[in-house]
Protein backbone atom coordinates (compact mmCIF):
# COMPACT_ATOMS: atom_id res chain seq x y z
CA MET A 1 107.59 156.09 29.45
CA ILE A 2 109.30 153.25 31.30
CA ASP A 3 113.06 153.65 31.64
CA LEU A 4 114.89 150.31 31.40
CA GLU A 5 118.52 149.98 32.47
CA HIS A 6 120.33 146.78 31.51
CA ARG A 7 123.23 145.72 33.69
CA GLN A 8 125.44 142.68 33.43
CA MET A 9 126.39 141.27 36.80
CA HIS A 10 129.28 138.93 37.54
CA ARG A 11 128.15 136.02 39.70
CA SER A 12 129.70 132.70 40.67
CA ASN A 13 127.80 131.06 37.81
CA GLY A 14 129.02 133.61 35.25
CA LEU A 15 127.82 136.83 33.68
CA ILE A 16 124.09 137.39 34.15
CA ASP A 17 121.60 140.00 32.96
CA ASP A 18 119.95 142.27 35.50
CA PHE A 19 117.49 145.13 34.98
CA VAL A 20 116.44 148.28 36.75
CA VAL A 21 113.04 149.55 35.62
CA ARG A 22 111.96 153.09 36.51
CA GLY A 23 108.66 154.77 35.91
CA SER A 24 105.86 156.88 37.27
CA PRO A 25 102.64 155.31 38.50
CA SER A 26 101.05 156.06 35.10
CA ASP A 27 103.98 154.33 33.33
CA TYR A 28 103.28 151.16 35.32
CA GLU A 29 99.56 151.47 34.57
CA SER A 30 100.42 151.70 30.85
CA PHE A 31 102.61 148.59 31.19
CA ALA A 32 99.63 146.78 32.76
CA ARG A 33 97.41 147.83 29.83
CA GLN A 34 99.95 146.35 27.38
CA LEU A 35 99.87 143.10 29.38
CA ARG A 36 96.08 142.99 29.19
CA SER A 37 96.22 143.63 25.46
CA ALA A 38 98.62 140.70 24.97
CA ILE A 39 96.38 138.48 27.07
CA SER A 40 93.18 139.35 25.22
CA SER A 41 94.59 139.37 21.68
CA GLY A 42 96.88 136.37 22.07
CA GLU A 43 99.40 138.28 19.94
CA PRO A 44 102.78 139.53 21.19
CA GLU A 45 102.73 143.16 22.33
CA MET A 46 105.82 145.39 22.30
CA LEU A 47 106.23 147.92 25.09
CA GLN A 48 108.63 150.65 24.03
CA THR A 49 110.94 152.02 26.70
CA SER A 50 113.24 155.03 26.83
CA SER A 51 116.20 152.71 26.27
CA ARG A 52 117.15 150.74 23.16
CA ILE A 53 115.55 147.66 24.74
CA GLY A 54 111.83 147.03 24.26
CA ILE A 55 109.73 144.59 26.27
CA GLU A 56 107.88 141.97 24.23
CA ILE A 57 104.92 140.41 26.08
CA THR A 58 103.65 137.04 24.87
CA LYS A 59 100.83 134.91 26.23
CA ASP A 60 102.02 131.30 26.24
CA PRO A 61 99.60 128.73 27.69
CA ASN A 62 102.52 126.31 28.12
CA GLN A 63 104.48 128.70 30.38
CA PRO A 64 103.28 128.09 33.98
CA GLU A 65 105.63 130.67 35.49
CA LEU A 66 106.73 134.13 34.43
CA PHE A 67 109.81 133.86 32.21
CA THR A 68 111.93 136.72 30.89
CA SER A 69 115.01 136.73 28.71
CA LEU A 70 117.04 139.36 26.86
CA GLN A 71 117.33 138.32 23.22
CA ASN A 72 117.66 139.62 19.69
CA GLN A 73 115.01 139.26 16.98
CA ASP A 74 116.15 135.80 15.84
CA ASP A 75 117.44 134.53 19.20
CA SER A 76 120.69 133.72 17.39
CA TYR A 77 124.14 134.87 18.46
CA PRO A 78 126.84 133.83 15.99
CA THR A 79 129.20 136.57 17.24
CA MET A 80 129.88 138.37 20.49
CA ILE A 81 128.70 141.58 18.85
CA ASP A 82 125.30 139.95 18.24
CA TRP A 83 125.18 139.01 21.92
CA THR A 84 125.99 142.54 23.11
CA GLN A 85 123.37 144.08 20.82
CA ARG A 86 120.37 142.17 22.21
CA SER A 87 117.43 144.57 22.31
CA ILE A 88 114.26 142.61 23.11
CA LEU A 89 113.41 141.71 26.69
CA ARG A 90 110.94 138.88 26.13
CA MET A 91 108.31 138.18 28.77
CA ARG A 92 106.24 134.99 28.54
CA GLY A 93 103.59 133.42 30.69
CA SER A 94 100.17 131.85 30.69
CA ALA A 95 97.12 134.13 30.88
CA GLU A 96 96.96 133.45 34.65
CA VAL A 97 100.63 134.38 35.09
CA LEU A 98 100.35 137.55 33.01
CA GLU A 99 97.15 138.56 34.85
CA ALA A 100 98.95 138.14 38.19
CA PHE A 101 101.82 140.29 36.93
CA CYS A 102 99.34 142.88 35.67
CA ALA A 103 97.71 143.03 39.13
CA PHE A 104 101.18 143.35 40.68
CA LEU A 105 102.03 146.33 38.44
CA LEU A 106 98.75 148.06 39.26
CA ASP A 107 99.35 147.51 42.98
CA LEU A 108 102.93 148.75 42.60
CA SER A 109 101.68 151.92 40.90
CA GLN A 110 99.52 152.71 43.96
CA ARG A 111 102.21 152.24 46.61
CA GLY A 112 103.97 155.54 46.05
CA HIS A 113 107.70 156.11 45.80
CA GLY A 114 109.73 152.92 46.29
CA TYR A 115 110.74 149.71 44.61
CA SER A 116 110.01 146.02 44.40
CA TYR A 117 111.42 142.99 42.57
CA ILE A 118 109.73 141.13 39.72
CA SER A 119 110.08 137.86 41.62
CA GLU A 120 107.62 139.24 44.21
CA TYR A 121 104.77 139.42 41.68
CA SER A 122 102.92 136.42 43.13
CA ASN A 123 102.85 134.21 46.19
CA GLN A 124 101.24 131.37 44.22
CA LEU A 125 102.91 131.61 40.80
CA GLY A 126 106.64 131.40 40.22
CA TYR A 127 109.20 133.53 38.43
CA ALA A 128 111.44 131.29 36.32
CA GLU A 129 114.71 130.67 38.12
CA CYS A 130 116.84 131.22 35.01
CA SER A 131 115.24 134.63 34.32
CA PRO A 132 117.09 137.85 35.09
CA GLU A 133 116.10 139.86 38.14
CA TRP A 134 114.20 143.12 37.62
CA ARG A 135 114.17 145.87 40.20
CA LEU A 136 111.02 147.95 39.61
CA HIS A 137 111.18 151.56 40.88
CA VAL A 138 108.15 153.81 41.17
CA GLN A 139 109.13 157.45 40.92
CA LEU A 140 106.70 160.20 41.81
CA PRO A 141 106.73 163.40 39.73
């Protein structure tokens, strides 16, 4: 099961979300299968992680680059407590974008021990600038 660590980083433009994702090659292959399921069904898919944060994958034909954002169910934050209890890492992209990310995850799973960044998923397709950075670690058993 994917392990997802949420960190908040202080930058010159304020407090930003940042993620460290850890998993075995088979965890990343499972993630890729969830992506394919979301692409083929057109329905959001929820990938459970070992943390309190799940990853919701949604095919959105109007999203030409990969976009991710940590939110709560309603995307509403009337209090600071609501903001600190966000538990859904939403991932959106067109079918082409999600397919490219799927291929990236499968390639990542074959590289062996090491890490990469989500923004490296494609040379042709972008990762939305306002999205948090993900550091993806492959850990061998």
